[in-house]
Amino acid sequence: MKTIPFALSPEQRELVVKHGYPFEELAAQLKAAERQKGEVSFALNEFYFDQLLGDLARSINHSRSNALIERLNDLYEDLLSQAWESGYTSMS
């Protein structure tokens, strides 16, 4: 299964933790990056990357805050853009 590389800023990492419901693998990577400043690189296999996108979409659809919706949409689009650059073609 293909691995999808992506980078997250501190703000994006916080959004993923709070609204992306990360699986153990990503949660451990995020915990290790808590104190790092700037962008940090991560990687997930396609299945877990798809799950992350799906969980972010769910949070977008259930949010009542327009500001949060905008931030989550920006994160979703950024993740998708980075993934496409690495040859990602899936979206379950």
N, C-alpha and C. Protein backbone atom coordinates (compact mmCIF):
# COMPACT_ATOMS: atom_id res chain seq x y z
N MET A 1 0.85 -1.18 0.00
CA MET A 1 0.00 0.00 0.00
C MET A 1 0.90 1.24 0.00
N LYS A 2 0.53 2.21 -0.79
CA LYS A 2 1.32 3.43 -0.95
C LYS A 2 1.29 4.30 0.32
N THR A 3 2.42 4.93 0.59
CA THR A 3 2.52 5.86 1.72
C THR A 3 2.37 7.28 1.19
N ILE A 4 1.58 8.08 1.88
CA ILE A 4 1.32 9.47 1.50
C ILE A 4 2.08 10.39 2.45
N PRO A 5 3.06 11.14 1.93
CA PRO A 5 3.77 12.11 2.76
C PRO A 5 3.02 13.45 2.78
N PHE A 6 3.08 14.13 3.91
CA PHE A 6 2.47 15.46 4.03
C PHE A 6 3.12 16.20 5.18
N ALA A 7 3.01 17.52 5.16
CA ALA A 7 3.57 18.36 6.22
C ALA A 7 2.45 19.17 6.85
N LEU A 8 2.57 19.39 8.14
CA LEU A 8 1.57 20.16 8.88
C LEU A 8 2.24 21.25 9.71
N SER A 9 1.63 22.42 9.70
CA SER A 9 2.07 23.52 10.57
C SER A 9 1.58 23.23 11.99
N PRO A 10 2.06 23.97 12.97
CA PRO A 10 1.55 23.77 14.34
C PRO A 10 0.02 23.93 14.42
N GLU A 11 -0.53 24.93 13.75
CA GLU A 11 -1.99 25.12 13.78
C GLU A 11 -2.71 23.94 13.13
N GLN A 12 -2.18 23.46 12.03
CA GLN A 12 -2.79 22.32 11.35
C GLN A 12 -2.71 21.07 12.22
N ARG A 13 -1.59 20.88 12.90
CA ARG A 13 -1.46 19.72 13.79
C ARG A 13 -2.51 19.77 14.88
N GLU A 14 -2.74 20.95 15.43
CA GLU A 14 -3.76 21.10 16.47
C GLU A 14 -5.15 20.77 15.93
N LEU A 15 -5.45 21.22 14.71
CA LEU A 15 -6.74 20.91 14.10
C LEU A 15 -6.90 19.41 13.88
N VAL A 16 -5.85 18.75 13.44
CA VAL A 16 -5.93 17.30 13.22
C VAL A 16 -6.18 16.58 14.54
N VAL A 17 -5.50 16.98 15.60
CA VAL A 17 -5.69 16.35 16.90
C VAL A 17 -7.13 16.53 17.38
N LYS A 18 -7.66 17.74 17.24
CA LYS A 18 -8.99 18.04 17.77
C LYS A 18 -10.13 17.61 16.86
N HIS A 19 -9.91 17.61 15.55
CA HIS A 19 -11.03 17.39 14.62
C HIS A 19 -10.80 16.30 13.58
N GLY A 20 -9.60 15.71 13.58
CA GLY A 20 -9.30 14.68 12.59
C GLY A 20 -9.36 13.27 13.15
N TYR A 21 -9.58 13.15 14.46
CA TYR A 21 -9.67 11.85 15.11
C TYR A 21 -8.56 10.91 14.66
N PRO A 22 -7.28 11.31 14.87
CA PRO A 22 -6.17 10.53 14.33
C PRO A 22 -6.07 9.13 14.93
N PHE A 23 -5.73 8.17 14.08
CA PHE A 23 -5.47 6.80 14.52
C PHE A 23 -4.16 6.78 15.27
N GLU A 24 -3.88 5.66 15.93
CA GLU A 24 -2.69 5.55 16.79
C GLU A 24 -1.40 5.97 16.10
N GLU A 25 -1.21 5.52 14.88
CA GLU A 25 0.04 5.82 14.17
C GLU A 25 0.26 7.33 14.02
N LEU A 26 -0.76 8.04 13.56
CA LEU A 26 -0.64 9.48 13.39
C LEU A 26 -0.65 10.18 14.75
N ALA A 27 -1.44 9.71 15.68
CA ALA A 27 -1.48 10.31 17.01
C ALA A 27 -0.09 10.29 17.65
N ALA A 28 0.63 9.18 17.49
CA ALA A 28 1.98 9.07 18.04
C ALA A 28 2.92 10.05 17.35
N GLN A 29 2.80 10.18 16.03
CA GLN A 29 3.64 11.13 15.29
C GLN A 29 3.34 12.57 15.72
N LEU A 30 2.07 12.87 15.91
CA LEU A 30 1.67 14.22 16.33
C LEU A 30 2.18 14.52 17.73
N LYS A 31 2.09 13.54 18.63
CA LYS A 31 2.57 13.73 20.00
C LYS A 31 4.07 14.01 20.00
N ALA A 32 4.81 13.28 19.16
CA ALA A 32 6.26 13.48 19.08
C ALA A 32 6.61 14.86 18.53
N ALA A 33 5.70 15.46 17.77
CA ALA A 33 5.97 16.76 17.13
C ALA A 33 5.39 17.94 17.91
N GLU A 34 4.81 17.69 19.07
CA GLU A 34 4.12 18.75 19.82
C GLU A 34 4.96 20.00 20.05
N ARG A 35 6.21 19.84 20.37
CA ARG A 35 7.05 20.98 20.74
C ARG A 35 7.84 21.56 19.57
N GLN A 36 7.68 20.96 18.41
CA GLN A 36 8.43 21.45 17.25
C GLN A 36 7.73 22.65 16.65
N LYS A 37 8.53 23.60 16.23
CA LYS A 37 7.98 24.80 15.58
C LYS A 37 8.03 24.61 14.08
N GLY A 38 7.18 25.31 13.37
CA GLY A 38 7.18 25.21 11.92
C GLY A 38 6.55 23.92 11.44
N GLU A 39 6.68 23.68 10.15
CA GLU A 39 6.10 22.49 9.55
C GLU A 39 6.87 21.24 9.95
N VAL A 40 6.11 20.17 10.13
CA VAL A 40 6.68 18.87 10.44
C VAL A 40 6.13 17.88 9.42
N SER A 41 6.99 17.00 8.93
CA SER A 41 6.59 16.02 7.92
C SER A 41 6.03 14.76 8.58
N PHE A 42 5.01 14.20 7.95
CA PHE A 42 4.36 12.98 8.40
C PHE A 42 4.15 12.08 7.20
N ALA A 43 3.74 10.85 7.46
CA ALA A 43 3.40 9.93 6.38
C ALA A 43 2.39 8.92 6.90
N LEU A 44 1.41 8.61 6.08
CA LEU A 44 0.40 7.60 6.39
C LEU A 44 0.18 6.74 5.16
N ASN A 45 -0.22 5.49 5.36
CA ASN A 45 -0.59 4.71 4.19
C ASN A 45 -1.93 5.24 3.67
N GLU A 46 -2.29 4.87 2.45
CA GLU A 46 -3.49 5.41 1.81
C GLU A 46 -4.75 5.19 2.63
N PHE A 47 -4.88 4.03 3.25
CA PHE A 47 -6.08 3.74 4.03
C PHE A 47 -6.26 4.76 5.15
N TYR A 48 -5.21 4.96 5.95
CA TYR A 48 -5.31 5.89 7.06
C TYR A 48 -5.39 7.34 6.60
N PHE A 49 -4.75 7.65 5.47
CA PHE A 49 -4.88 8.99 4.92
C PHE A 49 -6.32 9.26 4.49
N ASP A 50 -6.94 8.28 3.83
CA ASP A 50 -8.36 8.39 3.46
C ASP A 50 -9.24 8.59 4.69
N GLN A 51 -8.93 7.84 5.75
CA GLN A 51 -9.70 7.96 6.99
C GLN A 51 -9.57 9.36 7.58
N LEU A 52 -8.35 9.90 7.55
CA LEU A 52 -8.12 11.26 8.06
C LEU A 52 -8.94 12.27 7.27
N LEU A 53 -8.91 12.16 5.94
CA LEU A 53 -9.70 13.08 5.12
C LEU A 53 -11.19 12.93 5.43
N GLY A 54 -11.65 11.71 5.57
CA GLY A 54 -13.06 11.47 5.88
C GLY A 54 -13.46 12.05 7.23
N ASP A 55 -12.59 11.89 8.22
CA ASP A 55 -12.88 12.44 9.55
C ASP A 55 -12.88 13.97 9.54
N LEU A 56 -11.97 14.56 8.76
CA LEU A 56 -11.98 16.02 8.64
C LEU A 56 -13.26 16.49 7.94
N ALA A 57 -13.68 15.77 6.89
CA ALA A 57 -14.92 16.12 6.19
C ALA A 57 -16.11 16.03 7.14
N ARG A 58 -16.11 14.99 7.96
CA ARG A 58 -17.21 14.85 8.95
C ARG A 58 -17.23 16.05 9.90
N SER A 59 -16.06 16.44 10.37
CA SER A 59 -15.99 17.59 11.28
C SER A 59 -16.45 18.87 10.59
N ILE A 60 -16.08 19.03 9.32
CA ILE A 60 -16.53 20.20 8.55
C ILE A 60 -18.05 20.21 8.46
N ASN A 61 -18.62 19.07 8.14
CA ASN A 61 -20.07 18.98 7.96
C ASN A 61 -20.86 19.15 9.25
N HIS A 62 -20.25 18.85 10.39
CA HIS A 62 -20.97 18.93 11.66
C HIS A 62 -20.65 20.19 12.46
N SER A 63 -19.73 21.00 11.97
CA SER A 63 -19.37 22.21 12.71
C SER A 63 -20.43 23.29 12.52
N ARG A 64 -20.60 24.07 13.55
CA ARG A 64 -21.54 25.21 13.49
C ARG A 64 -20.80 26.55 13.42
N SER A 65 -19.49 26.47 13.51
CA SER A 65 -18.67 27.68 13.49
C SER A 65 -18.12 27.90 12.08
N ASN A 66 -18.50 29.00 11.47
CA ASN A 66 -18.00 29.31 10.12
C ASN A 66 -16.48 29.46 10.09
N ALA A 67 -15.92 30.03 11.14
CA ALA A 67 -14.47 30.21 11.21
C ALA A 67 -13.77 28.84 11.25
N LEU A 68 -14.31 27.91 12.05
CA LEU A 68 -13.72 26.58 12.13
C LEU A 68 -13.90 25.84 10.80
N ILE A 69 -15.05 25.96 10.19
CA ILE A 69 -15.29 25.33 8.89
C ILE A 69 -14.26 25.80 7.88
N GLU A 70 -13.99 27.09 7.86
CA GLU A 70 -13.01 27.64 6.92
C GLU A 70 -11.61 27.09 7.20
N ARG A 71 -11.21 27.03 8.45
CA ARG A 71 -9.90 26.50 8.81
C ARG A 71 -9.78 25.02 8.45
N LEU A 72 -10.83 24.26 8.72
CA LEU A 72 -10.81 22.83 8.39
C LEU A 72 -10.81 22.61 6.88
N ASN A 73 -11.58 23.42 6.16
CA ASN A 73 -11.58 23.32 4.69
C ASN A 73 -10.19 23.60 4.13
N ASP A 74 -9.54 24.63 4.66
CA ASP A 74 -8.18 24.96 4.22
C ASP A 74 -7.23 23.80 4.48
N LEU A 75 -7.34 23.19 5.66
CA LEU A 75 -6.50 22.05 6.00
C LEU A 75 -6.78 20.88 5.06
N TYR A 76 -8.04 20.58 4.83
CA TYR A 76 -8.44 19.48 3.95
C TYR A 76 -7.85 19.69 2.55
N GLU A 77 -8.03 20.88 2.02
CA GLU A 77 -7.53 21.18 0.67
C GLU A 77 -6.01 21.12 0.62
N ASP A 78 -5.34 21.57 1.66
CA ASP A 78 -3.88 21.52 1.70
C ASP A 78 -3.39 20.07 1.73
N LEU A 79 -4.02 19.24 2.56
CA LEU A 79 -3.64 17.83 2.62
C LEU A 79 -3.85 17.15 1.27
N LEU A 80 -4.98 17.42 0.66
CA LEU A 80 -5.28 16.80 -0.63
C LEU A 80 -4.29 17.25 -1.69
N SER A 81 -3.95 18.52 -1.70
CA SER A 81 -2.98 19.06 -2.66
C SER A 81 -1.61 18.41 -2.49
N GLN A 82 -1.16 18.30 -1.24
CA GLN A 82 0.12 17.65 -0.98
C GLN A 82 0.10 16.19 -1.42
N ALA A 83 -1.01 15.52 -1.16
CA ALA A 83 -1.12 14.11 -1.52
C ALA A 83 -1.11 13.92 -3.03
N TRP A 84 -1.82 14.78 -3.74
CA TRP A 84 -1.85 14.67 -5.20
C TRP A 84 -0.46 14.86 -5.79
N GLU A 85 0.33 15.75 -5.18
CA GLU A 85 1.70 15.96 -5.65
C GLU A 85 2.55 14.70 -5.53
N SER A 86 2.18 13.83 -4.59
CA SER A 86 2.94 12.58 -4.41
C SER A 86 2.32 11.41 -5.20
N GLY A 87 1.30 11.70 -6.02
CA GLY A 87 0.71 10.66 -6.85
C GLY A 87 -0.52 10.02 -6.26
N TYR A 88 -1.04 10.54 -5.18
CA TYR A 88 -2.26 10.00 -4.54
C TYR A 88 -3.44 10.15 -5.47
N THR A 89 -4.22 9.10 -5.62
CA THR A 89 -5.40 9.16 -6.50
C THR A 89 -6.66 8.65 -5.82
N SER A 90 -6.55 8.16 -4.61
CA SER A 90 -7.68 7.56 -3.92
C SER A 90 -8.51 8.61 -3.20
N MET A 91 -9.72 8.33 -2.95
CA MET A 91 -10.61 9.07 -2.04
C MET A 91 -11.84 8.20 -1.86
N SER A 92 -11.81 7.36 -0.82
CA SER A 92 -12.92 6.45 -0.61
C SER A 92 -14.15 7.18 -0.16
